Structure formats: C-alpha cells, structure tokens
N, C-alpha and C. Protein backbone atom coordinates (compact mmCIF):
# COMPACT_ATOMS: atom_id res chain seq x y z
N VAL A 1 0.84 -1.07 0.14
CA VAL A 1 -0.08 0.04 -0.14
C VAL A 1 0.56 0.94 0.09
N SER A 2 1.92 1.38 0.81
CA SER A 2 2.62 2.83 0.82
C SER A 2 3.47 2.50 -0.18
N ASP A 3 3.65 1.39 -1.25
CA ASP A 3 4.58 1.75 -2.48
C ASP A 3 3.39 1.98 -3.10
N ALA A 4 2.61 1.93 -3.74
CA ALA A 4 0.88 2.18 -4.27
C ALA A 4 0.90 3.50 -4.21
N LEU A 5 0.59 3.85 -3.09
CA LEU A 5 0.56 5.90 -1.81
C LEU A 5 1.54 6.17 -2.97
N ASP A 6 2.40 6.19 -2.71
CA ASP A 6 4.00 6.93 -3.38
C ASP A 6 4.16 7.11 -4.48
N VAL A 7 3.56 6.04 -5.57
CA VAL A 7 3.10 6.02 -7.32
C VAL A 7 2.34 7.34 -6.95
N LEU A 8 1.21 6.64 -6.23
CA LEU A 8 -0.02 7.85 -6.40
C LEU A 8 0.28 9.42 -6.11
N ALA A 9 1.09 9.55 -4.97
CA ALA A 9 1.66 11.06 -4.47
C ALA A 9 2.35 11.31 -5.53
N GLN A 10 3.78 10.35 -6.07
CA GLN A 10 4.72 11.01 -7.33
C GLN A 10 3.62 11.40 -8.36
N SER A 11 1.99 10.21 -8.74
CA SER A 11 1.66 10.88 -10.21
C SER A 11 1.27 12.42 -10.09
N MET A 12 0.46 12.37 -8.84
CA MET A 12 -0.29 13.34 -8.46
C MET A 12 0.40 14.71 -8.75
N ALA A 13 1.66 14.89 -8.23
CA ALA A 13 2.69 15.68 -8.44
C ALA A 13 2.40 15.76 -9.86
N GLU A 14 3.14 15.24 -10.64
CA GLU A 14 3.63 15.59 -12.06
C GLU A 14 1.55 15.08 -13.20
N ASN A 15 0.44 14.95 -12.59
CA ASN A 15 -0.55 15.60 -13.01
C ASN A 15 -1.43 15.63 -11.59
N PRO A 16 -2.09 17.15 -11.23
CA PRO A 16 -3.02 17.67 -10.23
C PRO A 16 -4.13 16.85 -10.31
N MET A 17 -4.86 16.56 -11.67
CA MET A 17 -6.07 15.94 -11.68
C MET A 17 -6.67 14.93 -11.65
N LEU A 18 -5.32 14.21 -11.50
CA LEU A 18 -5.47 12.65 -11.46
C LEU A 18 -5.76 12.48 -9.69
N ILE A 19 -6.15 13.28 -9.00
CA ILE A 19 -6.82 13.19 -7.61
C ILE A 19 -8.35 12.73 -8.07
N LEU A 20 -9.12 13.75 -8.88
CA LEU A 20 -9.98 13.84 -9.36
C LEU A 20 -10.75 12.34 -9.53
N LYS A 21 -9.56 12.09 -10.48
CA LYS A 21 -10.02 10.25 -11.42
C LYS A 21 -10.16 9.77 -10.48
N VAL A 22 -9.64 9.49 -9.08
CA VAL A 22 -9.02 8.29 -8.33
C VAL A 22 -10.57 9.18 -7.38
N ILE A 23 -10.57 9.80 -7.07
CA ILE A 23 -11.95 10.30 -6.52
C ILE A 23 -13.11 10.19 -7.14
N ASP A 24 -13.28 9.79 -8.39
CA ASP A 24 -14.45 10.17 -9.30
C ASP A 24 -14.45 8.65 -9.28
N ALA A 25 -13.50 7.15 -9.86
CA ALA A 25 -13.87 6.23 -9.42
C ALA A 25 -14.23 5.16 -8.33
N ILE A 26 -13.92 6.20 -6.93
CA ILE A 26 -13.70 5.79 -6.13
C ILE A 26 -15.21 5.79 -5.11
N GLN A 27 -15.93 7.09 -6.07
CA GLN A 27 -17.67 7.07 -5.79
C GLN A 27 -18.29 6.55 -6.90
N ASN A 28 -17.84 6.26 -7.78
CA ASN A 28 -18.45 4.96 -8.43
C ASN A 28 -18.61 3.69 -8.11
N TRP A 29 -18.20 3.35 -6.80
CA TRP A 29 -17.67 1.87 -6.67
C TRP A 29 -19.55 1.37 -6.76
N ASP A 30 -19.62 0.44 -7.27
CA ASP A 30 -20.37 -0.66 -8.54
C ASP A 30 -21.42 -1.35 -6.63
N TYR A 31 -22.20 -0.96 -5.47
CA TYR A 31 -22.23 -1.40 -4.60
C TYR A 31 -23.43 -2.15 -5.40
N SER A 32 -24.05 -1.77 -6.18
CA SER A 32 -25.49 -3.16 -6.31
C SER A 32 -24.50 -4.45 -7.26
N ALA A 33 -23.29 -4.04 -7.19
CA ALA A 33 -22.16 -5.57 -7.82
C ALA A 33 -21.71 -5.93 -6.65
N PHE A 34 -21.65 -5.32 -5.44
CA PHE A 34 -21.14 -6.25 -4.50
C PHE A 34 -22.20 -6.84 -3.50
N GLU A 35 -23.11 -6.07 -3.38
CA GLU A 35 -24.68 -6.32 -3.01
C GLU A 35 -25.20 -7.66 -3.59
N GLU A 36 -25.17 -8.32 -4.94
CA GLU A 36 -25.09 -9.03 -5.96
C GLU A 36 -23.90 -10.10 -5.58
N GLN A 37 -22.94 -10.12 -5.10
CA GLN A 37 -21.71 -10.80 -5.19
C GLN A 37 -22.20 -11.26 -3.42
N TRP A 38 -22.72 -10.34 -3.08
CA TRP A 38 -23.00 -10.39 -1.43
C TRP A 38 -23.90 -12.34 -1.09
N VAL A 39 -24.53 -11.50 -1.68
CA VAL A 39 -26.21 -11.91 -1.76
C VAL A 39 -25.86 -13.88 -2.25
N ASN A 40 -24.94 -13.54 -3.62
CA ASN A 40 -24.83 -14.68 -4.31
C ASN A 40 -24.30 -15.65 -3.27
N MET A 41 -22.80 -15.28 -2.41
CA MET A 41 -22.11 -16.26 -1.44
C MET A 41 -22.89 -16.43 -0.38
N LEU A 42 -23.99 -15.50 0.05
CA LEU A 42 -24.93 -15.87 1.25
C LEU A 42 -25.97 -17.27 0.75
N ASP A 43 -25.75 -17.20 -0.48
CA ASP A 43 -26.80 -18.62 -1.12
C ASP A 43 -25.83 -19.26 -1.18
N THR A 44 -24.37 -19.65 -1.44
CA THR A 44 -24.00 -20.45 -1.84
C THR A 44 -23.69 -21.38 -0.27
N ILE A 45 -23.61 -20.20 1.03
CA ILE A 45 -22.79 -20.88 1.94
C ILE A 45 -24.26 -21.20 2.69
N GLU A 46 -25.37 -20.56 2.28
CA GLU A 46 -27.07 -21.82 2.78
C GLU A 46 -26.82 -22.58 2.12
N ASP A 47 -26.69 -23.03 0.73
CA ASP A 47 -27.12 -24.14 0.00
C ASP A 47 -25.94 -25.35 1.00
N LEU A 48 -24.71 -24.94 1.86
CA LEU A 48 -23.50 -25.59 1.81
C LEU A 48 -23.47 -26.34 3.27
N LYS A 49 -23.97 -25.55 3.99
CA LYS A 49 -24.00 -25.50 5.47
C LYS A 49 -24.86 -26.46 5.83
N LYS A 50 -24.39 -26.75 7.06
CA LYS A 50 -24.89 -28.31 7.63
C LYS A 50 -25.87 -28.01 9.03
N GLY A 51 -26.69 -27.82 8.96
CA GLY A 51 -27.56 -27.91 9.98
C GLY A 51 -28.08 -26.92 10.49
N ASP A 52 -27.92 -26.56 11.82
CA ASP A 52 -28.09 -25.85 12.11
C ASP A 52 -26.67 -24.11 12.56
N ALA A 53 -26.14 -24.74 11.44
CA ALA A 53 -24.10 -24.15 11.74
C ALA A 53 -24.65 -22.51 12.12
N TRP A 54 -23.62 -21.86 12.96
CA TRP A 54 -23.66 -20.85 13.17
C TRP A 54 -22.90 -19.79 12.32
N VAL A 55 -23.62 -18.31 12.17
CA VAL A 55 -22.41 -18.44 10.65
C VAL A 55 -21.86 -16.55 11.52
N VAL A 56 -20.70 -16.32 11.80
CA VAL A 56 -20.70 -14.92 11.83
C VAL A 56 -19.53 -14.50 10.70
N VAL A 57 -19.88 -12.94 9.98
CA VAL A 57 -19.45 -12.74 9.06
C VAL A 57 -18.55 -11.43 9.82
N THR A 58 -17.54 -10.68 9.64
CA THR A 58 -17.16 -9.52 9.84
C THR A 58 -17.35 -8.20 8.56
N ASN A 59 -17.82 -7.30 9.61
CA ASN A 59 -18.11 -6.27 8.28
C ASN A 59 -16.54 -5.60 7.86
N ILE A 60 -16.32 -4.90 7.46
CA ILE A 60 -15.29 -4.07 6.54
C ILE A 60 -14.43 -2.85 7.74
N TYR A 61 -13.02 -3.22 7.98
CA TYR A 61 -12.69 -1.86 8.45
C TYR A 61 -11.95 -0.92 7.38
N ASN A 62 -11.79 0.28 7.74
CA ASN A 62 -10.98 1.27 6.82
C ASN A 62 -9.38 0.89 7.49
N PRO A 63 -9.12 0.49 6.16
CA PRO A 63 -7.95 -0.32 6.24
C PRO A 63 -6.92 1.32 6.17
N ALA A 64 -7.37 2.93 5.39
CA ALA A 64 -6.91 3.93 5.10
C ALA A 64 -6.60 4.41 6.05
N ALA A 65 -7.81 3.87 7.56
CA ALA A 65 -7.61 5.20 8.83
C ALA A 65 -6.34 5.78 9.14
N ASN A 66 -5.38 4.79 9.04
CA ASN A 66 -4.18 5.61 9.68
C ASN A 66 -3.47 6.04 8.35
N LEU A 67 -3.16 6.06 7.12
CA LEU A 67 -3.12 6.58 6.38
C LEU A 67 -3.05 8.56 6.40
N GLU A 68 -2.26 9.15 5.67
CA GLU A 68 -2.49 10.00 5.42
C GLU A 68 -3.07 10.41 4.16
N LEU A 69 -4.67 10.65 3.80
CA LEU A 69 -5.05 10.60 2.67
C LEU A 69 -5.55 12.37 2.62
N PRO A 70 -5.75 12.77 1.33
CA PRO A 70 -6.11 13.93 1.66
C PRO A 70 -7.78 13.77 2.07
N SER A 71 -8.58 14.72 3.10
CA SER A 71 -9.42 14.73 3.49
C SER A 71 -10.67 14.25 3.07
N THR A 72 -10.91 14.74 1.50
CA THR A 72 -11.72 14.58 1.02
C THR A 72 -11.87 12.92 0.37
N LEU A 73 -10.75 12.50 -0.19
CA LEU A 73 -10.26 10.98 -0.28
C LEU A 73 -10.77 10.16 1.29
N ASN A 74 -10.62 10.86 2.57
CA ASN A 74 -10.85 9.79 3.42
C ASN A 74 -12.50 9.69 3.58
N ARG A 75 -12.89 11.43 3.27
CA ARG A 75 -14.29 11.01 3.17
C ARG A 75 -15.25 10.00 2.39
N VAL A 76 -14.85 9.87 1.41
CA VAL A 76 -15.27 8.89 0.08
C VAL A 76 -14.71 7.62 0.46
N VAL A 77 -13.53 7.01 1.13
CA VAL A 77 -13.44 6.07 1.39
C VAL A 77 -13.93 5.63 2.39
N GLU A 78 -14.12 6.36 3.56
CA GLU A 78 -15.52 6.03 4.73
C GLU A 78 -16.66 5.80 4.59
N GLY A 79 -17.20 6.65 3.23
CA GLY A 79 -18.71 6.20 2.70
C GLY A 79 -19.05 5.00 2.35
N ILE A 80 -17.83 4.36 1.61
CA ILE A 80 -18.15 3.69 0.30
C ILE A 80 -18.08 2.11 1.58
N ILE A 81 -17.02 2.44 2.77
CA ILE A 81 -16.78 1.51 3.33
C ILE A 81 -18.29 1.49 5.06
N ARG A 82 -18.69 2.26 4.75
CA ARG A 82 -19.90 2.43 5.73
C ARG A 82 -21.49 2.00 4.66
N ASN A 83 -21.28 2.05 3.26
CA ASN A 83 -22.51 1.23 2.69
C ASN A 83 -21.86 0.14 2.24
N MET A 84 -20.61 -0.33 2.35
CA MET A 84 -20.67 -2.25 2.02
C MET A 84 -21.22 -2.57 3.24
N ASN A 85 -20.97 -1.85 4.74
CA ASN A 85 -21.26 -2.52 5.92
C ASN A 85 -22.61 -2.58 6.02
N GLN A 86 -23.12 -1.32 5.23
CA GLN A 86 -24.29 -1.61 5.70
C GLN A 86 -25.76 -2.54 4.53
N ILE A 87 -25.01 -2.78 3.56
CA ILE A 87 -25.40 -4.06 2.99
C ILE A 87 -25.22 -5.48 3.99
N ILE A 88 -24.33 -5.27 4.23
CA ILE A 88 -24.19 -6.90 5.53
C ILE A 88 -25.06 -6.73 6.06
N ASP A 89 -25.00 -5.56 7.00
CA ASP A 89 -25.73 -5.97 7.97
C ASP A 89 -26.94 -5.79 7.64
N HIS A 90 -27.58 -5.38 6.66
CA HIS A 90 -28.37 -5.32 6.43
C HIS A 90 -29.02 -7.12 5.84
N TYR A 91 -28.81 -8.14 5.32
CA TYR A 91 -28.73 -9.22 5.33
C TYR A 91 -28.41 -10.28 6.72
N GLY A 92 -28.08 -9.64 7.30
CA GLY A 92 -27.55 -10.58 8.46
C GLY A 92 -28.66 -10.74 9.67
N GLU A 93 -30.31 -10.30 9.48
CA GLU A 93 -30.97 -11.04 9.60
C GLU A 93 -31.79 -11.94 8.89
N GLU A 94 -32.03 -11.84 7.63
CA GLU A 94 -32.50 -12.61 6.81
C GLU A 94 -31.96 -14.03 6.47
N TYR A 95 -30.46 -13.91 6.47
CA TYR A 95 -29.46 -14.94 6.21
C TYR A 95 -28.97 -15.60 7.71
N GLY A 96 -29.44 -14.83 8.69
CA GLY A 96 -29.59 -15.78 10.03
C GLY A 96 -27.81 -15.25 10.35
N TYR A 97 -26.75 -14.48 10.20
CA TYR A 97 -26.10 -14.55 10.44
C TYR A 97 -25.77 -13.34 11.30
N GLN A 98 -24.46 -13.60 12.02
CA GLN A 98 -24.00 -12.03 12.99
C GLN A 98 -22.66 -11.77 12.95
N VAL A 99 -22.54 -10.57 13.07
CA VAL A 99 -21.78 -9.55 12.54
C VAL A 99 -21.07 -9.13 13.76
N ALA A 100 -19.37 -9.38 13.40
CA ALA A 100 -18.75 -9.20 14.03
C ALA A 100 -18.34 -7.48 13.97
N ASP A 101 -18.03 -6.67 14.18
CA ASP A 101 -18.09 -5.67 14.21
C ASP A 101 -16.44 -5.22 14.64
N VAL A 102 -15.94 -4.99 13.07
CA VAL A 102 -14.20 -4.55 13.11
C VAL A 102 -14.45 -3.51 12.94
N TYR A 103 -15.99 -2.96 12.15
CA TYR A 103 -15.12 -1.36 11.47
C TYR A 103 -15.17 -0.77 12.99
N HIS A 104 -15.52 -0.67 14.26
CA HIS A 104 -15.53 0.43 14.97
C HIS A 104 -14.73 -0.56 16.13
N SER A 105 -13.50 -1.26 16.11
CA SER A 105 -12.91 -1.85 17.05
C SER A 105 -11.44 -0.90 16.62
N ASP A 106 -10.15 -1.32 17.33
CA ASP A 106 -9.45 -0.86 17.07
C ASP A 106 -8.54 -1.24 16.28
N ILE A 107 -8.96 -1.95 15.53
CA ILE A 107 -8.09 -3.18 14.83
C ILE A 107 -6.61 -1.81 13.80
N CYS A 108 -7.44 -0.64 13.48
CA CYS A 108 -6.55 -0.21 12.62
C CYS A 108 -4.97 0.32 12.92
N GLU A 109 -4.89 0.01 14.42
CA GLU A 109 -3.89 0.40 15.16
C GLU A 109 -2.85 -0.96 15.37
N HIS A 110 -3.34 -1.94 14.93
CA HIS A 110 -2.57 -3.02 14.50
C HIS A 110 -3.11 -4.15 13.09
N VAL A 111 -2.01 -2.80 12.24
CA VAL A 111 -1.96 -3.70 11.09
C VAL A 111 -0.68 -4.14 10.71
N GLN A 112 -0.05 -4.64 9.60
CA GLN A 112 1.33 -5.03 8.97
C GLN A 112 1.66 -3.93 8.42
N GLU A 113 2.97 -4.10 8.58
CA GLU A 113 3.63 -2.81 7.44
C GLU A 113 3.10 -2.18 6.48
N ASP A 114 2.29 -3.16 5.69
CA ASP A 114 1.47 -3.11 4.26
C ASP A 114 0.36 -1.88 4.79
N GLY A 115 0.40 -1.63 5.64
CA GLY A 115 -1.24 -0.41 6.17
C GLY A 115 -2.11 -1.25 6.24
N VAL A 116 -2.25 -2.28 5.71
CA VAL A 116 -3.77 -3.12 5.17
C VAL A 116 -3.95 -4.11 6.02
N HIS A 117 -3.48 -5.69 6.16
CA HIS A 117 -3.69 -6.10 6.61
C HIS A 117 -2.99 -6.27 8.31
N PRO A 118 -4.48 -7.25 9.19
CA PRO A 118 -4.10 -7.19 10.79
C PRO A 118 -2.62 -7.80 10.97
N ASP A 119 -1.77 -7.37 11.69
CA ASP A 119 -0.74 -7.88 12.45
C ASP A 119 -1.49 -8.69 13.30
N GLN A 120 -0.42 -9.59 14.12
CA GLN A 120 -0.90 -11.05 15.22
C GLN A 120 -1.90 -9.90 16.19
N THR A 121 -1.55 -9.09 16.59
CA THR A 121 -2.71 -8.57 17.08
C THR A 121 -4.06 -8.19 16.66
N GLY A 122 -4.25 -7.31 15.81
CA GLY A 122 -4.88 -7.45 14.96
C GLY A 122 -5.90 -8.37 15.02
N GLN A 123 -5.00 -9.88 14.67
CA GLN A 123 -6.06 -11.30 14.35
C GLN A 123 -6.48 -11.78 15.15
N GLN A 124 -5.86 -11.01 17.09
CA GLN A 124 -6.57 -11.58 17.54
C GLN A 124 -7.75 -11.10 18.06
N ILE A 125 -8.08 -9.47 17.61
CA ILE A 125 -8.80 -8.65 17.71
C ILE A 125 -10.07 -9.34 17.09
N ILE A 126 -10.06 -9.85 15.91
CA ILE A 126 -10.92 -10.55 15.15
C ILE A 126 -11.45 -11.78 15.46
N ALA A 127 -10.41 -12.23 15.76
CA ALA A 127 -10.84 -13.79 16.94
C ALA A 127 -11.72 -13.58 17.83
N ASP A 128 -11.16 -12.44 18.97
CA ASP A 128 -12.22 -12.49 20.14
C ASP A 128 -13.73 -11.42 19.41
N LEU A 129 -13.75 -10.86 18.70
CA LEU A 129 -14.76 -10.47 18.06
C LEU A 129 -15.74 -11.42 17.91
N ILE A 130 -15.06 -12.80 16.89
CA ILE A 130 -15.79 -13.28 16.41
C ILE A 130 -16.32 -14.59 17.75
N TYR A 131 -15.53 -14.62 18.45
CA TYR A 131 -15.64 -15.57 19.70
C TYR A 131 -17.08 -14.85 20.69
N VAL A 132 -17.04 -13.88 20.85
CA VAL A 132 -18.19 -13.13 21.17
C VAL A 132 -19.67 -13.61 20.68
N HIS A 133 -19.71 -13.74 19.65
CA HIS A 133 -21.11 -14.34 18.88
C HIS A 133 -21.37 -16.04 19.08
N GLN A 134 -20.65 -17.24 20.35
CA GLN A 134 -20.97 -17.85 19.81
C GLN A 134 -21.84 -18.29 20.44
C-alpha cells in the first residue's frame, strides 16, 4: 500500500487532476455489484452449511484510517466502507448470520507494515470479536 501511495503521490505531483480521477473512480463504486456478489455468496453458504451451523461474518474496517490521505479522499473511502457495511448488516437477519463489528474496533492500530492487513494483535482482535458471537 505504501508503494502504491508513493506512486499515487508522485503521479499527482506530475498530474494534479489525477486525484479527481481517483475520487471519481471511488465514488462510482458499484454497490449493486457488491450487494449481488454478497447475496450470491450467502446463498452458496446457505446451500452448503450443515444443519444449524452458526455463521459469523465481519464487517469491513477502514484500512486507510491511519494513512495520510487528503480529507476528501478519506471521506469518500469512509463512505464506501459504511455503505458496504450497511449491506452486510442488512442481510444479517434475513440469512441468520451474526456480524462481528471490526469497523468500530481498534484494529487499524494493529496492521502489518503494508498498512492494510491485521498483524498478530489485529488477528486476535478479530478472533475475540467472532468468539463473542458463539
């Protein structure tokens, strides 16, 4: 991620309009495609799960929370994540799954050097949140 952000920063210095293109691409995120894929995944799980198996999913945390992105870009990323989390929450009751809330956890303070993936402590946070839903 840091390499990608370095490239983005260098590209923005060479082409200041690039940030507008990035924001436009993010704003045009296809929520209906995400929702369709989410429902397809849930249908597959329903078809394959055994008896009364308990299903717990995590919502999405903001991996860019600790990155120094322009405030506008931060707001856009936050908006996308909140909307995706609303989709995840919306189907919980219909499909009978529990949502472990990593979005409101402090997982962003426990990521690997790539700035995105949870480190050992971050993985334990996720495990603990899922365990609560047993």
